[in-house]
Amino acid sequence: MRDVRWTDIPRLAALESELFPDDAWAEATWWAELAARPRRAYVVEEDAGTLLGYAGVDLGGEVADVMTMAVAPAARGRGLGRQLLDELVARARDDHAEHLMLEVRADNDVARNLYDSKGFEVLTVRRRYYQPGDVDAHIMRLSLEGATQ
């Protein structure tokens, strides 16, 4: 796992389009996100030049926010999502955040199970947040004082 580089942007945008066709981040969004470093931290996992997954966190003080996290379909089922999340938790802790927040689609059972297993709790639900499809968003929080790695 390594920090995202500017040269990764075209591959990140392509994978985003594959995974999130309705609301994928464009290359311009990735450029803006990387320009926000060091407050924003992004990591990528790759194998032989193939992008397997990526994740990012906003380190904004006592509350850090997961900005994005995704695993390529071919790399799923190997624990990469857990590794990416562990890296974001570690970076939030290193930045002295007290909580890590995220938002997840209510119908994303794999992600929800991962977040539940790490100790995230649902704080609130944003009804019909994701469009199209009227899918709820679950706003979740992890207390970093007691979080397990």
C-alpha atoms as a PDB file:
ATOM      1  CA  MET A   1       0.000   0.000   0.000  1.00  0.00           C
ATOM      2  CA  ARG A   2       1.293   3.442  -0.866  1.00  0.00           C
ATOM      3  CA  ASP A   3       0.200   7.053  -1.069  1.00  0.00           C
ATOM      4  CA  VAL A   4      -1.674   8.013  -4.224  1.00  0.00           C
ATOM      5  CA  ARG A   5       0.435   9.802  -6.848  1.00  0.00           C
ATOM      6  CA  TRP A   6      -0.717  12.342  -9.409  1.00  0.00           C
ATOM      7  CA  THR A   7       0.025   9.776 -12.123  1.00  0.00           C
ATOM      8  CA  ASP A   8      -2.612   7.454 -10.598  1.00  0.00           C
ATOM      9  CA  ILE A   9      -5.466   9.848 -11.372  1.00  0.00           C
ATOM     10  CA  PRO A  10      -6.521   8.422 -14.775  1.00  0.00           C
ATOM     11  CA  ARG A  11      -6.664   4.879 -13.338  1.00  0.00           C
ATOM     12  CA  LEU A  12      -8.516   6.068 -10.227  1.00  0.00           C
ATOM     13  CA  ALA A  13     -11.111   7.883 -12.337  1.00  0.00           C
ATOM     14  CA  ALA A  14     -11.542   4.842 -14.595  1.00  0.00           C
ATOM     15  CA  LEU A  15     -12.095   2.487 -11.646  1.00  0.00           C
ATOM     16  CA  GLU A  16     -14.480   5.007 -10.060  1.00  0.00           C
ATOM     17  CA  SER A  17     -16.548   5.038 -13.262  1.00  0.00           C
ATOM     18  CA  GLU A  18     -16.696   1.252 -13.255  1.00  0.00           C
ATOM     19  CA  LEU A  19     -17.677   0.986  -9.581  1.00  0.00           C
ATOM     20  CA  PHE A  20     -19.895   4.061  -9.169  1.00  0.00           C
ATOM     21  CA  PRO A  21     -21.375   4.863 -12.595  1.00  0.00           C
ATOM     22  CA  ASP A  22     -24.018   7.235 -11.203  1.00  0.00           C
ATOM     23  CA  ASP A  23     -21.727   9.424  -9.106  1.00  0.00           C
ATOM     24  CA  ALA A  24     -18.101   8.652  -9.942  1.00  0.00           C
ATOM     25  CA  TRP A  25     -15.423  11.216  -9.199  1.00  0.00           C
ATOM     26  CA  ALA A  26     -14.028  12.700 -12.395  1.00  0.00           C
ATOM     27  CA  GLU A  27     -10.321  13.319 -12.912  1.00  0.00           C
ATOM     28  CA  ALA A  28     -10.850  16.963 -11.927  1.00  0.00           C
ATOM     29  CA  THR A  29     -12.254  15.864  -8.571  1.00  0.00           C
ATOM     30  CA  TRP A  30      -9.242  13.621  -7.960  1.00  0.00           C
ATOM     31  CA  TRP A  31      -6.915  16.514  -8.822  1.00  0.00           C
ATOM     32  CA  ALA A  32      -8.711  18.731  -6.297  1.00  0.00           C
ATOM     33  CA  GLU A  33      -8.627  16.028  -3.624  1.00  0.00           C
ATOM     34  CA  LEU A  34      -4.901  15.441  -4.003  1.00  0.00           C
ATOM     35  CA  ALA A  35      -4.271  19.189  -3.982  1.00  0.00           C
ATOM     36  CA  ALA A  36      -5.852  19.270  -0.508  1.00  0.00           C
ATOM     37  CA  ARG A  37      -2.974  17.282   0.995  1.00  0.00           C
ATOM     38  CA  PRO A  38      -1.798  17.053   3.736  1.00  0.00           C
ATOM     39  CA  ARG A  39      -5.303  17.449   5.172  1.00  0.00           C
ATOM     40  CA  ARG A  40      -6.491  14.752   2.777  1.00  0.00           C
ATOM     41  CA  ALA A  41      -4.640  11.442   2.662  1.00  0.00           C
ATOM     42  CA  TYR A  42      -5.204   8.878  -0.090  1.00  0.00           C
ATOM     43  CA  VAL A  43      -3.718   5.411  -0.450  1.00  0.00           C
ATOM     44  CA  VAL A  44      -3.771   2.864  -3.231  1.00  0.00           C
ATOM     45  CA  GLU A  45      -3.057  -0.842  -3.463  1.00  0.00           C
ATOM     46  CA  GLU A  46      -1.839  -2.234  -6.755  1.00  0.00           C
ATOM     47  CA  ASP A  47      -0.335  -5.395  -8.138  1.00  0.00           C
ATOM     48  CA  ALA A  48       1.840  -5.413 -11.245  1.00  0.00           C
ATOM     49  CA  GLY A  49       0.457  -2.037 -12.280  1.00  0.00           C
ATOM     50  CA  THR A  50      -3.186  -3.054 -11.787  1.00  0.00           C
ATOM     51  CA  LEU A  51      -5.164  -0.875  -9.393  1.00  0.00           C
ATOM     52  CA  LEU A  52      -6.778  -3.140  -6.788  1.00  0.00           C
ATOM     53  CA  GLY A  53      -8.256  -0.581  -4.402  1.00  0.00           C
ATOM     54  CA  TYR A  54      -8.014   2.866  -2.925  1.00  0.00           C
ATOM     55  CA  ALA A  55      -9.151   4.848   0.087  1.00  0.00           C
ATOM     56  CA  GLY A  56      -8.988   8.379   1.404  1.00  0.00           C
ATOM     57  CA  VAL A  57      -9.545  10.283   4.621  1.00  0.00           C
ATOM     58  CA  ASP A  58     -10.025  13.930   5.561  1.00  0.00           C
ATOM     59  CA  LEU A  59      -7.960  14.747   8.626  1.00  0.00           C
ATOM     60  CA  GLY A  60      -9.884  17.737   9.890  1.00  0.00           C
ATOM     61  CA  GLY A  61      -9.212  17.784  13.618  1.00  0.00           C
ATOM     62  CA  GLU A  62     -11.007  15.787  16.286  1.00  0.00           C
ATOM     63  CA  VAL A  63     -13.282  14.190  13.676  1.00  0.00           C
ATOM     64  CA  ALA A  64     -11.774  12.558  10.587  1.00  0.00           C
ATOM     65  CA  ASP A  65     -13.964  11.569   7.634  1.00  0.00           C
ATOM     66  CA  VAL A  66     -13.618   8.688   5.202  1.00  0.00           C
ATOM     67  CA  MET A  67     -13.868  10.370   1.814  1.00  0.00           C
ATOM     68  CA  THR A  68     -13.903   7.243  -0.336  1.00  0.00           C
ATOM     69  CA  MET A  69     -12.990   3.595  -0.269  1.00  0.00           C
ATOM     70  CA  ALA A  70     -13.300   0.979  -2.980  1.00  0.00           C
ATOM     71  CA  VAL A  71     -11.958  -2.403  -4.060  1.00  0.00           C
ATOM     72  CA  ALA A  72     -11.855  -3.547  -7.681  1.00  0.00           C
ATOM     73  CA  PRO A  73     -14.197  -6.471  -8.392  1.00  0.00           C
ATOM     74  CA  ALA A  74     -11.308  -8.808  -9.242  1.00  0.00           C
ATOM     75  CA  ALA A  75      -9.647  -8.096  -5.865  1.00  0.00           C
ATOM     76  CA  ARG A  76     -12.671  -8.624  -3.628  1.00  0.00           C
ATOM     77  CA  GLY A  77     -12.816 -11.317  -0.985  1.00  0.00           C
ATOM     78  CA  ARG A  78      -9.117 -11.051  -0.047  1.00  0.00           C
ATOM     79  CA  GLY A  79      -9.369  -8.680   2.918  1.00  0.00           C
ATOM     80  CA  LEU A  80      -8.203  -5.623   1.008  1.00  0.00           C
ATOM     81  CA  GLY A  81     -11.153  -3.528   2.209  1.00  0.00           C
ATOM     82  CA  ARG A  82     -10.181  -4.274   5.808  1.00  0.00           C
ATOM     83  CA  GLN A  83      -6.547  -3.335   5.082  1.00  0.00           C
ATOM     84  CA  LEU A  84      -7.584  -0.053   3.484  1.00  0.00           C
ATOM     85  CA  LEU A  85      -9.874   0.769   6.392  1.00  0.00           C
ATOM     86  CA  ASP A  86      -7.146  -0.108   8.905  1.00  0.00           C
ATOM     87  CA  GLU A  87      -4.829   2.323   7.132  1.00  0.00           C
ATOM     88  CA  LEU A  88      -7.413   5.112   7.337  1.00  0.00           C
ATOM     89  CA  VAL A  89      -7.987   4.400  11.034  1.00  0.00           C
ATOM     90  CA  ALA A  90      -4.228   4.511  11.657  1.00  0.00           C
ATOM     91  CA  ARG A  91      -3.856   7.815   9.822  1.00  0.00           C
ATOM     92  CA  ALA A  92      -6.776   9.338  11.722  1.00  0.00           C
ATOM     93  CA  ARG A  93      -5.246   8.194  15.009  1.00  0.00           C
ATOM     94  CA  ASP A  94      -1.841   9.558  14.020  1.00  0.00           C
ATOM     95  CA  ASP A  95      -3.548  12.897  13.363  1.00  0.00           C
ATOM     96  CA  HIS A  96      -5.061  12.743  16.897  1.00  0.00           C
ATOM     97  CA  ALA A  97      -8.653  12.415  15.714  1.00  0.00           C
ATOM     98  CA  GLU A  98     -11.098  11.211  18.341  1.00  0.00           C
ATOM     99  CA  HIS A  99     -13.646   9.836  15.867  1.00  0.00           C
ATOM    100  CA  LEU A 100     -13.735   8.550  12.315  1.00  0.00           C
ATOM    101  CA  MET A 101     -16.946   9.174  10.379  1.00  0.00           C
ATOM    102  CA  LEU A 102     -18.228   7.690   7.140  1.00  0.00           C
ATOM    103  CA  GLU A 103     -21.305   7.402   5.009  1.00  0.00           C
ATOM    104  CA  VAL A 104     -22.340   4.131   3.379  1.00  0.00           C
ATOM    105  CA  ARG A 105     -25.213   2.986   1.205  1.00  0.00           C
ATOM    106  CA  ALA A 106     -27.772   1.049   3.229  1.00  0.00           C
ATOM    107  CA  ASP A 107     -27.818  -1.650   0.539  1.00  0.00           C
ATOM    108  CA  ASN A 108     -24.043  -2.201   0.584  1.00  0.00           C
ATOM    109  CA  ASP A 109     -24.059  -5.249   2.869  1.00  0.00           C
ATOM    110  CA  VAL A 110     -20.362  -6.077   2.382  1.00  0.00           C
ATOM    111  CA  ALA A 111     -19.245  -2.597   3.443  1.00  0.00           C
ATOM    112  CA  ARG A 112     -21.761  -2.449   6.288  1.00  0.00           C
ATOM    113  CA  ASN A 113     -20.496  -5.785   7.632  1.00  0.00           C
ATOM    114  CA  LEU A 114     -16.910  -4.532   7.479  1.00  0.00           C
ATOM    115  CA  TYR A 115     -17.742  -1.304   9.305  1.00  0.00           C
ATOM    116  CA  ASP A 116     -19.835  -3.140  11.904  1.00  0.00           C
ATOM    117  CA  SER A 117     -16.968  -5.580  12.537  1.00  0.00           C
ATOM    118  CA  LYS A 118     -14.579  -2.666  13.137  1.00  0.00           C
ATOM    119  CA  GLY A 119     -16.905  -1.099  15.707  1.00  0.00           C
ATOM    120  CA  PHE A 120     -18.590   1.646  13.690  1.00  0.00           C
ATOM    121  CA  GLU A 121     -22.050   2.605  14.921  1.00  0.00           C
ATOM    122  CA  VAL A 122     -24.904   4.124  12.930  1.00  0.00           C
ATOM    123  CA  LEU A 123     -25.551   7.673  14.115  1.00  0.00           C
ATOM    124  CA  THR A 124     -28.290   8.625  11.689  1.00  0.00           C
ATOM    125  CA  VAL A 125     -29.880   7.738   8.368  1.00  0.00           C
ATOM    126  CA  ARG A 126     -30.266  10.099   5.424  1.00  0.00           C
ATOM    127  CA  ARG A 127     -33.409   8.874   3.687  1.00  0.00           C
ATOM    128  CA  ARG A 128     -33.273   8.409  -0.105  1.00  0.00           C
ATOM    129  CA  TYR A 129     -29.828  10.077  -0.197  1.00  0.00           C
ATOM    130  CA  TYR A 130     -28.329   8.083  -3.067  1.00  0.00           C
ATOM    131  CA  GLN A 131     -29.857   8.726  -6.461  1.00  0.00           C
ATOM    132  CA  PRO A 132     -31.023   7.185  -8.630  1.00  0.00           C
ATOM    133  CA  GLY A 133     -32.702   4.489  -6.610  1.00  0.00           C
ATOM    134  CA  ASP A 134     -33.751   6.316  -3.444  1.00  0.00           C
ATOM    135  CA  VAL A 135     -31.191   4.396  -1.348  1.00  0.00           C
ATOM    136  CA  ASP A 136     -30.642   5.520   2.244  1.00  0.00           C
ATOM    137  CA  ALA A 137     -27.226   6.581   3.519  1.00  0.00           C
ATOM    138  CA  HIS A 138     -26.098   5.388   6.925  1.00  0.00           C
ATOM    139  CA  ILE A 139     -23.876   7.868   8.743  1.00  0.00           C
ATOM    140  CA  MET A 140     -21.503   5.886  10.932  1.00  0.00           C
ATOM    141  CA  ARG A 141     -18.916   6.773  13.557  1.00  0.00           C
ATOM    142  CA  LEU A 142     -16.010   4.951  15.143  1.00  0.00           C
ATOM    143  CA  SER A 143     -14.563   6.091  18.452  1.00  0.00           C
ATOM    144  CA  LEU A 144     -10.807   5.894  17.976  1.00  0.00           C
ATOM    145  CA  GLU A 145     -10.114   5.519  21.671  1.00  0.00           C
ATOM    146  CA  GLY A 146     -11.411   1.957  21.685  1.00  0.00           C
ATOM    147  CA  ALA A 147     -11.058   0.994  18.030  1.00  0.00           C
ATOM    148  CA  THR A 148      -9.411  -2.318  17.232  1.00  0.00           C
ATOM    149  CA  GLN A 149      -6.990  -2.729  14.377  1.00  0.00           C
END
